[in-house]
Amino acid sequence: MPSKGGDAARAGTSVQLVAAAAGIALLYAAWCMDRGWAERHFLPAWAYPWETQLRILLALRIAVALAGLAVLLAVRPWAARAARSGRGRQALGSVIGALLAVALAFVAVELILHTRTWQSAQERWDNQEPLRARDAAYGWTFVPNHRGAVALHGRTVHYATGPFGYRVAAAGKAPDFAAPTIVFAGESITLGYGLEWAETVPAQVQAMTGVQAVNMAVNAHATDQTLMRLQRELPRFPHPVAVIVPWVPCLFDRNLDTDRPHLDAGLRWHPADPPSTRIVELARRAVRYRSDRAIAEGTAMTQAALRRVIALAGSRGARALVVVPQFLPESRREAEVRHAVLDAGRIPYLLVPIRPEWRFPVDRHPTPAGARALAEAVARALR
């Protein structure tokens, strides 16, 4: 008959092995979270430079490594001593209780999140100008025939929309649909966030070329949303001269979002797909992790959408121009994303260097000088 002392020793050894395996697994995970892993699973962000992202990920890596060391150096010997002294069940009960408390907290937060309507990463329904309105096809557009103002960058910026939600010089103004037109679509850079109407890229191109420019860009639209808006709006214009769309490496991440109406790599439309586990999605948003599959699918969709934009413009006798603002100094990671999406996809594009002083320091959008650099490049390309 085995002795109680032998049972306690074996229990202590088993506990040591299990705790050691857990600690080593955490250390191995931290070891794997190197720069190569970061560049595979994280994309450049609009809010801060790539080097800042790497520092955030380094802090996360250190936290995981410290957790592994804590398990190896503190939890493992404590659990082994408890098992050898006959307090194994008590220690196991404490561990199970702690894990159960964490699990219940997780479930409680998840249930609370499910009581609220899920919004995609870019949805915003508040009173911030320019005002947005829901759109069943592509998530959101602008409130039509609206006039508003907001304090930005130490001055008051005015926004106005016409009957179709395009940004215009004066509220309610509609374009001359019969006139030759340069159509601008895209997101906040094309819209001219933080700029007066005359300072925006479309308005400056119109002044430089003498050709009517229409600004149908919408804040926070991804490439597939830009395509869907163009497919709806371009038929209104019998004589389009050119279709101008932006593509920005540090905004590519939003092309991977599926919790809004979106297109897949085959350009098939899908309704918003809210995540089944919302707390995990919120954590992913905080660190911006993307799987290999998500990045591959987002790349394929982006390439297909840009090719469709080019074909759509060509079918109307218009020239398509994909404009890529190159925010200097361009990080190696941003250049890698640009090459992987555009160059590898054989998408022709116009690269326009934007100097650091041509961006607002707070939200990093182009200043009037930055918008002028983009407008001059577009006007030259069209000439």
Protein backbone atom coordinates (compact mmCIF):
# COMPACT_ATOMS: atom_id res chain seq x y z
CA MET A 1 0.00 0.00 0.00
CA PRO A 2 1.55 3.33 -1.06
CA SER A 3 2.44 5.74 1.73
CA LYS A 4 0.89 9.14 2.12
CA GLY A 5 4.39 10.63 1.92
CA GLY A 6 4.96 9.00 -1.47
CA ASP A 7 1.60 10.24 -2.74
CA ALA A 8 2.41 13.78 -1.60
CA ALA A 9 5.82 13.65 -3.30
CA ARG A 10 4.31 12.44 -6.56
CA ALA A 11 1.61 15.13 -6.33
CA GLY A 12 4.28 17.75 -5.77
CA THR A 13 6.24 16.52 -8.78
CA SER A 14 3.12 16.55 -10.97
CA VAL A 15 2.26 20.07 -9.88
CA GLN A 16 5.82 21.17 -10.60
CA LEU A 17 5.67 19.72 -14.11
CA VAL A 18 2.30 21.30 -14.93
CA ALA A 19 3.32 24.73 -13.60
CA ALA A 20 6.69 24.52 -15.33
CA ALA A 21 4.97 23.67 -18.62
CA ALA A 22 2.65 26.68 -18.23
CA GLY A 23 5.53 29.03 -17.42
CA ILE A 24 7.66 27.74 -20.29
CA ALA A 25 4.69 28.11 -22.67
CA LEU A 26 4.35 31.77 -21.67
CA LEU A 27 8.08 32.36 -22.10
CA TYR A 28 8.00 30.65 -25.49
CA ALA A 29 5.06 32.85 -26.53
CA ALA A 30 7.03 35.93 -25.50
CA TRP A 31 10.07 34.68 -27.42
CA CYS A 32 7.92 34.20 -30.56
CA MET A 33 6.54 37.76 -30.31
CA ASP A 34 9.55 39.22 -32.07
CA ARG A 35 9.68 41.88 -34.80
CA GLY A 36 9.00 39.30 -37.51
CA TRP A 37 5.82 38.20 -35.71
CA ALA A 38 4.79 41.85 -35.30
CA GLU A 39 5.26 42.54 -39.00
CA ARG A 40 3.20 39.45 -39.91
CA HIS A 41 0.23 40.26 -37.68
CA PHE A 42 0.10 44.04 -37.29
CA LEU A 43 -0.45 46.71 -39.91
CA PRO A 44 0.64 50.37 -39.84
CA ALA A 45 -1.76 52.56 -37.87
CA TRP A 46 -3.04 56.03 -38.64
CA ALA A 47 -2.94 57.18 -35.02
CA TYR A 48 0.78 56.68 -34.36
CA PRO A 49 3.99 55.73 -36.17
CA TRP A 50 5.10 52.13 -36.70
CA GLU A 51 7.98 52.52 -34.23
CA THR A 52 5.45 53.48 -31.55
CA GLN A 53 3.45 50.37 -32.37
CA LEU A 54 6.60 48.29 -31.95
CA ARG A 55 7.19 49.83 -28.52
CA ILE A 56 3.63 48.96 -27.47
CA LEU A 57 4.10 45.38 -28.66
CA LEU A 58 7.44 45.21 -26.83
CA ALA A 59 5.65 46.17 -23.61
CA LEU A 60 3.10 43.41 -24.26
CA ARG A 61 5.92 40.95 -24.93
CA ILE A 62 7.63 41.87 -21.67
CA ALA A 63 4.34 41.44 -19.77
CA VAL A 64 3.90 37.92 -21.18
CA ALA A 65 7.51 37.06 -20.31
CA LEU A 66 7.08 38.37 -16.75
CA ALA A 67 3.93 36.29 -16.37
CA GLY A 68 5.89 33.22 -17.44
CA LEU A 69 8.67 33.99 -14.95
CA ALA A 70 6.11 34.54 -12.19
CA VAL A 71 4.61 31.11 -12.86
CA LEU A 72 8.05 29.45 -12.88
CA LEU A 73 9.61 31.26 -9.92
CA ALA A 74 6.63 31.92 -7.64
CA VAL A 75 3.54 29.91 -8.52
CA ARG A 76 5.37 26.64 -9.27
CA PRO A 77 7.25 26.31 -5.95
CA TRP A 78 4.23 27.49 -3.94
CA ALA A 79 1.95 24.92 -5.57
CA ALA A 80 4.56 22.16 -5.14
CA ARG A 81 4.99 22.94 -1.43
CA ALA A 82 1.24 22.93 -0.95
CA ALA A 83 0.95 19.53 -2.62
CA ARG A 84 3.81 18.00 -0.60
CA SER A 85 2.38 19.26 2.70
CA GLY A 86 -1.00 17.72 2.01
CA ARG A 87 -2.67 21.02 1.15
CA GLY A 88 -2.91 20.19 -2.54
CA ARG A 89 -6.70 20.13 -2.62
CA GLN A 90 -6.87 23.44 -0.81
CA ALA A 91 -4.41 25.02 -3.26
CA LEU A 92 -6.22 23.48 -6.21
CA GLY A 93 -9.48 24.88 -4.87
CA SER A 94 -7.94 28.35 -4.65
CA VAL A 95 -6.68 28.15 -8.24
CA ILE A 96 -10.02 26.85 -9.52
CA GLY A 97 -11.85 29.59 -7.59
CA ALA A 98 -9.67 32.28 -9.09
CA LEU A 99 -10.09 30.90 -12.62
CA LEU A 100 -13.85 30.62 -12.09
CA ALA A 101 -14.02 34.23 -10.94
CA VAL A 102 -12.15 35.35 -14.05
CA ALA A 103 -14.42 33.25 -16.28
CA LEU A 104 -17.57 34.63 -14.63
CA ALA A 105 -16.29 38.19 -15.02
CA PHE A 106 -15.62 37.46 -18.69
CA VAL A 107 -19.16 36.12 -19.14
CA ALA A 108 -20.69 39.08 -17.29
CA VAL A 109 -18.85 41.62 -19.46
CA GLU A 110 -19.78 39.69 -22.61
CA LEU A 111 -23.47 39.66 -21.62
CA ILE A 112 -23.38 43.40 -20.92
CA LEU A 113 -21.80 44.04 -24.34
CA HIS A 114 -24.53 41.98 -26.00
CA THR A 115 -27.20 44.27 -24.51
CA ARG A 116 -25.91 47.12 -26.67
CA THR A 117 -26.06 47.52 -30.43
CA TRP A 118 -22.69 46.61 -31.88
CA GLN A 119 -20.93 49.30 -33.89
CA SER A 120 -18.06 48.74 -36.26
CA ALA A 121 -14.67 50.27 -35.55
CA GLN A 122 -15.44 53.33 -37.69
CA GLU A 123 -19.13 53.91 -36.99
CA ARG A 124 -20.01 57.09 -35.12
CA TRP A 125 -23.50 58.41 -34.49
CA ASP A 126 -23.06 61.60 -32.50
CA ASN A 127 -23.13 65.31 -33.17
CA GLN A 128 -19.56 65.59 -34.44
CA GLU A 129 -19.24 67.32 -37.79
CA PRO A 130 -19.52 66.37 -40.54
CA LEU A 131 -22.67 64.52 -39.49
CA ARG A 132 -23.07 60.94 -40.65
CA ALA A 133 -26.21 59.00 -41.56
CA ARG A 134 -26.73 55.25 -41.78
CA ASP A 135 -26.62 53.62 -45.19
CA ALA A 136 -27.78 50.05 -45.65
CA ALA A 137 -25.44 49.37 -48.56
CA TYR A 138 -22.10 50.51 -47.17
CA GLY A 139 -22.60 51.48 -43.53
CA TRP A 140 -22.67 55.25 -43.42
CA THR A 141 -22.70 58.38 -45.54
CA PHE A 142 -23.18 62.07 -44.77
CA VAL A 143 -26.43 63.77 -43.84
CA PRO A 144 -27.61 65.54 -47.03
CA ASN A 145 -28.31 69.27 -47.31
CA HIS A 146 -26.53 69.98 -44.04
CA ARG A 147 -24.40 72.85 -42.80
CA GLY A 148 -22.16 72.56 -39.74
CA ALA A 149 -19.00 73.87 -38.14
CA VAL A 150 -16.43 72.50 -35.72
CA ALA A 151 -13.37 73.88 -33.94
CA LEU A 152 -10.28 72.13 -35.30
CA HIS A 153 -6.59 73.02 -35.23
CA GLY A 154 -7.24 76.36 -33.56
CA ARG A 155 -9.81 77.58 -36.07
CA THR A 156 -13.43 77.02 -37.09
CA VAL A 157 -13.93 74.65 -40.03
CA HIS A 158 -17.20 74.66 -41.97
CA TYR A 159 -18.75 71.65 -43.67
CA ALA A 160 -21.66 71.62 -46.11
CA THR A 161 -23.35 68.84 -48.03
CA GLY A 162 -25.65 68.78 -51.02
CA PRO A 163 -28.72 66.65 -51.78
CA PHE A 164 -26.63 63.49 -52.36
CA GLY A 165 -24.38 63.87 -49.33
CA TYR A 166 -21.42 65.17 -51.35
CA ARG A 167 -19.28 67.83 -49.70
CA VAL A 168 -20.02 71.13 -51.43
CA ALA A 169 -19.20 74.82 -51.12
CA ALA A 170 -22.67 75.71 -49.83
CA ALA A 171 -25.35 73.53 -48.22
CA GLY A 172 -27.93 72.20 -50.66
CA LYS A 173 -25.83 72.89 -53.73
CA ALA A 174 -25.96 70.15 -56.39
CA PRO A 175 -23.34 69.60 -59.09
CA ASP A 176 -24.00 70.21 -62.76
CA PHE A 177 -24.47 66.59 -63.77
CA ALA A 178 -24.31 67.44 -67.48
CA ALA A 179 -20.86 69.04 -67.21
CA PRO A 180 -17.54 67.20 -67.62
CA THR A 181 -16.60 66.15 -64.10
CA ILE A 182 -13.63 64.90 -62.11
CA VAL A 183 -15.12 62.55 -59.50
CA PHE A 184 -13.32 62.21 -56.16
CA ALA A 185 -14.21 59.35 -53.83
CA GLY A 186 -12.51 58.00 -50.73
CA GLU A 187 -12.20 58.94 -47.07
CA SER A 188 -11.30 61.88 -44.85
CA ILE A 189 -8.14 62.92 -46.71
CA THR A 190 -10.10 63.39 -49.94
CA LEU A 191 -13.02 64.89 -48.02
CA GLY A 192 -10.68 67.49 -46.56
CA TYR A 193 -11.15 66.85 -42.86
CA GLY A 194 -10.03 69.95 -41.00
CA LEU A 195 -10.03 72.05 -44.19
CA GLU A 196 -12.35 74.68 -45.58
CA TRP A 197 -13.99 73.78 -48.90
CA ALA A 198 -11.59 75.86 -51.01
CA GLU A 199 -8.60 74.17 -49.33
CA THR A 200 -9.69 70.60 -50.15
CA VAL A 201 -7.97 68.55 -52.85
CA PRO A 202 -11.07 68.44 -55.14
CA ALA A 203 -11.68 72.20 -54.88
CA GLN A 204 -8.02 72.97 -55.62
CA VAL A 205 -7.97 70.56 -58.60
CA GLN A 206 -11.09 72.26 -59.94
CA ALA A 207 -9.39 75.65 -59.64
CA MET A 208 -6.24 74.36 -61.36
CA THR A 209 -7.93 72.54 -64.24
CA GLY A 210 -11.14 74.49 -64.77
CA VAL A 211 -13.07 71.20 -64.74
CA GLN A 212 -15.90 70.61 -62.28
CA ALA A 213 -14.79 68.44 -59.34
CA VAL A 214 -17.27 66.49 -57.21
CA ASN A 215 -16.28 65.39 -53.71
CA MET A 216 -18.24 62.26 -52.69
CA ALA A 217 -15.67 61.07 -50.12
CA VAL A 218 -16.95 59.94 -46.71
CA ASN A 219 -14.98 59.90 -43.47
CA ALA A 220 -13.55 56.50 -42.45
CA HIS A 221 -14.60 54.66 -45.62
CA ALA A 222 -12.50 51.65 -46.56
CA THR A 223 -11.61 50.78 -50.15
CA ASP A 224 -14.61 48.49 -50.63
CA GLN A 225 -16.96 51.18 -49.31
CA THR A 226 -15.40 53.66 -51.74
CA LEU A 227 -16.08 51.24 -54.59
CA MET A 228 -19.69 50.67 -53.50
CA ARG A 229 -20.30 54.43 -53.30
CA LEU A 230 -18.82 54.94 -56.75
CA GLN A 231 -20.97 52.16 -58.22
CA ARG A 232 -24.04 53.95 -56.89
CA GLU A 233 -23.08 57.55 -57.67
CA LEU A 234 -21.01 57.48 -60.87
CA PRO A 235 -24.00 56.71 -63.16
CA ARG A 236 -25.37 60.17 -62.26
CA PHE A 237 -22.55 61.76 -64.31
CA PRO A 238 -22.86 61.37 -68.11
CA HIS A 239 -19.43 62.89 -68.80
CA PRO A 240 -16.88 61.84 -66.18
CA VAL A 241 -13.36 62.95 -67.08
CA ALA A 242 -11.53 61.12 -64.29
CA VAL A 243 -12.19 59.11 -61.13
CA ILE A 244 -9.76 59.82 -58.28
CA VAL A 245 -9.50 57.51 -55.27
CA PRO A 246 -6.90 57.50 -52.47
CA TRP A 247 -5.09 54.57 -50.95
CA VAL A 248 -3.08 55.02 -47.77
CA PRO A 249 -0.90 52.24 -46.27
CA CYS A 250 -1.60 53.27 -42.68
CA LEU A 251 -5.37 53.05 -43.38
CA PHE A 252 -5.20 49.60 -44.97
CA ASP A 253 -6.12 48.00 -41.62
CA ARG A 254 -9.73 49.22 -41.90
CA ASN A 255 -10.12 47.25 -45.15
CA LEU A 256 -10.04 44.09 -43.03
CA ASP A 257 -13.06 45.04 -40.90
CA THR A 258 -16.13 42.85 -41.42
CA ASP A 259 -18.42 44.25 -38.70
CA ARG A 260 -19.83 46.69 -41.28
CA PRO A 261 -21.30 46.04 -44.74
CA HIS A 262 -18.34 44.82 -46.77
CA LEU A 263 -17.11 43.08 -49.90
CA ASP A 264 -15.07 39.90 -49.98
CA ALA A 265 -12.16 39.13 -52.32
CA GLY A 266 -14.68 38.16 -55.02
CA LEU A 267 -16.39 41.56 -54.52
CA ARG A 268 -19.51 39.84 -53.20
CA TRP A 269 -21.50 42.00 -50.76
CA HIS A 270 -21.99 40.88 -47.16
CA PRO A 271 -23.98 42.53 -44.38
CA ALA A 272 -22.25 43.59 -41.18
CA ASP A 273 -20.95 40.59 -39.28
CA PRO A 274 -20.74 41.50 -35.57
CA PRO A 275 -18.23 39.34 -33.68
CA SER A 276 -19.61 36.41 -31.71
CA THR A 277 -17.26 37.19 -28.79
CA ARG A 278 -17.32 40.93 -28.36
CA ILE A 279 -14.87 41.27 -25.50
CA VAL A 280 -12.23 39.46 -27.57
CA GLU A 281 -12.90 41.79 -30.50
CA LEU A 282 -12.51 44.84 -28.26
CA ALA A 283 -9.18 43.45 -27.03
CA ARG A 284 -8.12 42.85 -30.65
CA ARG A 285 -9.01 46.43 -31.52
CA ALA A 286 -6.87 47.67 -28.65
CA VAL A 287 -3.76 45.85 -29.93
CA ARG A 288 -4.85 45.68 -33.63
CA TYR A 289 -3.84 42.03 -34.08
CA ARG A 290 -4.68 40.51 -37.49
CA SER A 291 -4.37 36.87 -38.52
CA ASP A 292 -2.44 35.79 -41.62
CA ARG A 293 -5.73 34.81 -43.23
CA ALA A 294 -7.39 38.16 -42.51
CA ILE A 295 -4.47 40.09 -44.01
CA ALA A 296 -4.39 37.84 -47.09
CA GLU A 297 -8.15 38.24 -47.63
CA GLY A 298 -7.97 42.00 -47.06
CA THR A 299 -5.14 42.28 -49.57
CA ALA A 300 -7.05 40.29 -52.19
CA MET A 301 -10.22 42.35 -51.64
CA THR A 302 -8.33 45.65 -51.88
CA GLN A 303 -6.64 44.66 -55.12
CA ALA A 304 -9.94 43.46 -56.62
CA ALA A 305 -11.75 46.63 -55.53
CA LEU A 306 -9.12 48.94 -57.02
CA ARG A 307 -9.13 46.99 -60.28
CA ARG A 308 -12.92 47.35 -60.36
CA VAL A 309 -12.63 51.11 -59.79
CA ILE A 310 -10.21 51.34 -62.73
CA ALA A 311 -12.49 49.23 -64.92
CA LEU A 312 -15.57 51.19 -63.86
CA ALA A 313 -13.94 54.48 -64.81
CA GLY A 314 -12.71 53.04 -68.11
CA SER A 315 -16.19 51.79 -68.99
CA ARG A 316 -17.38 55.40 -68.77
CA GLY A 317 -14.53 56.78 -70.85
CA ALA A 318 -12.83 58.28 -67.78
CA ARG A 319 -9.34 57.91 -66.45
CA ALA A 320 -8.87 56.29 -63.02
CA LEU A 321 -6.16 57.59 -60.73
CA VAL A 322 -5.19 55.84 -57.48
CA VAL A 323 -3.44 58.47 -55.36
CA VAL A 324 -1.09 57.34 -52.58
CA PRO A 325 -0.01 60.05 -50.11
CA GLN A 326 3.50 59.11 -48.97
CA PHE A 327 3.77 60.50 -45.46
CA LEU A 328 7.44 61.31 -44.95
CA PRO A 329 9.51 59.85 -43.50
CA GLU A 330 7.82 56.69 -44.78
CA SER A 331 8.42 53.76 -42.42
CA ARG A 332 9.77 50.51 -43.82
CA ARG A 333 6.56 48.78 -42.75
CA GLU A 334 4.35 51.26 -44.66
CA ALA A 335 6.47 50.76 -47.77
CA GLU A 336 6.19 46.98 -47.37
CA VAL A 337 2.40 47.19 -47.18
CA ARG A 338 2.28 49.46 -50.23
CA HIS A 339 4.42 47.04 -52.24
CA ALA A 340 2.48 43.97 -51.05
CA VAL A 341 -0.92 45.44 -51.96
CA LEU A 342 -0.34 47.75 -54.94
CA ASP A 343 2.90 46.69 -56.60
CA ALA A 344 2.30 42.96 -56.13
CA GLY A 345 -1.27 43.47 -57.38
CA ARG A 346 0.01 45.47 -60.38
CA ILE A 347 -2.20 48.41 -59.46
CA PRO A 348 -0.89 51.62 -61.08
CA TYR A 349 -0.77 54.53 -58.67
CA LEU A 350 0.44 58.10 -58.21
CA LEU A 351 2.83 58.44 -55.24
CA VAL A 352 2.76 61.92 -53.71
CA PRO A 353 5.32 62.76 -50.98
CA ILE A 354 3.81 64.69 -48.06
CA ARG A 355 6.32 66.42 -45.81
CA PRO A 356 5.81 66.25 -42.00
CA GLU A 357 5.00 69.97 -41.76
CA TRP A 358 2.19 69.45 -44.27
CA ARG A 359 0.19 67.42 -41.72
CA PHE A 360 -1.76 68.64 -38.69
CA PRO A 361 0.04 67.47 -35.53
CA VAL A 362 -3.11 66.36 -33.70
CA ASP A 363 -5.02 64.16 -36.17
CA ARG A 364 -2.27 63.93 -38.85
CA HIS A 365 -4.53 64.90 -41.77
CA PRO A 366 -2.98 67.04 -44.54
CA THR A 367 -2.90 70.77 -43.95
CA PRO A 368 -3.90 73.18 -46.75
CA ALA A 369 -0.29 72.91 -47.99
CA GLY A 370 -0.47 69.11 -47.93
CA ALA A 371 -3.77 69.18 -49.82
CA ARG A 372 -2.21 71.54 -52.35
CA ALA A 373 0.67 69.11 -52.94
CA LEU A 374 -1.86 66.35 -53.62
CA ALA A 375 -3.96 68.60 -55.85
CA GLU A 376 -0.95 69.73 -57.90
CA ALA A 377 0.13 66.11 -58.41
CA VAL A 378 -3.38 65.12 -59.51
CA ALA A 379 -3.68 68.10 -61.87
CA ARG A 380 -0.30 67.31 -63.45
CA ALA A 381 -1.24 63.66 -63.90
CA LEU A 382 -4.53 64.59 -65.56
CA ARG A 383 -2.86 67.06 -67.89
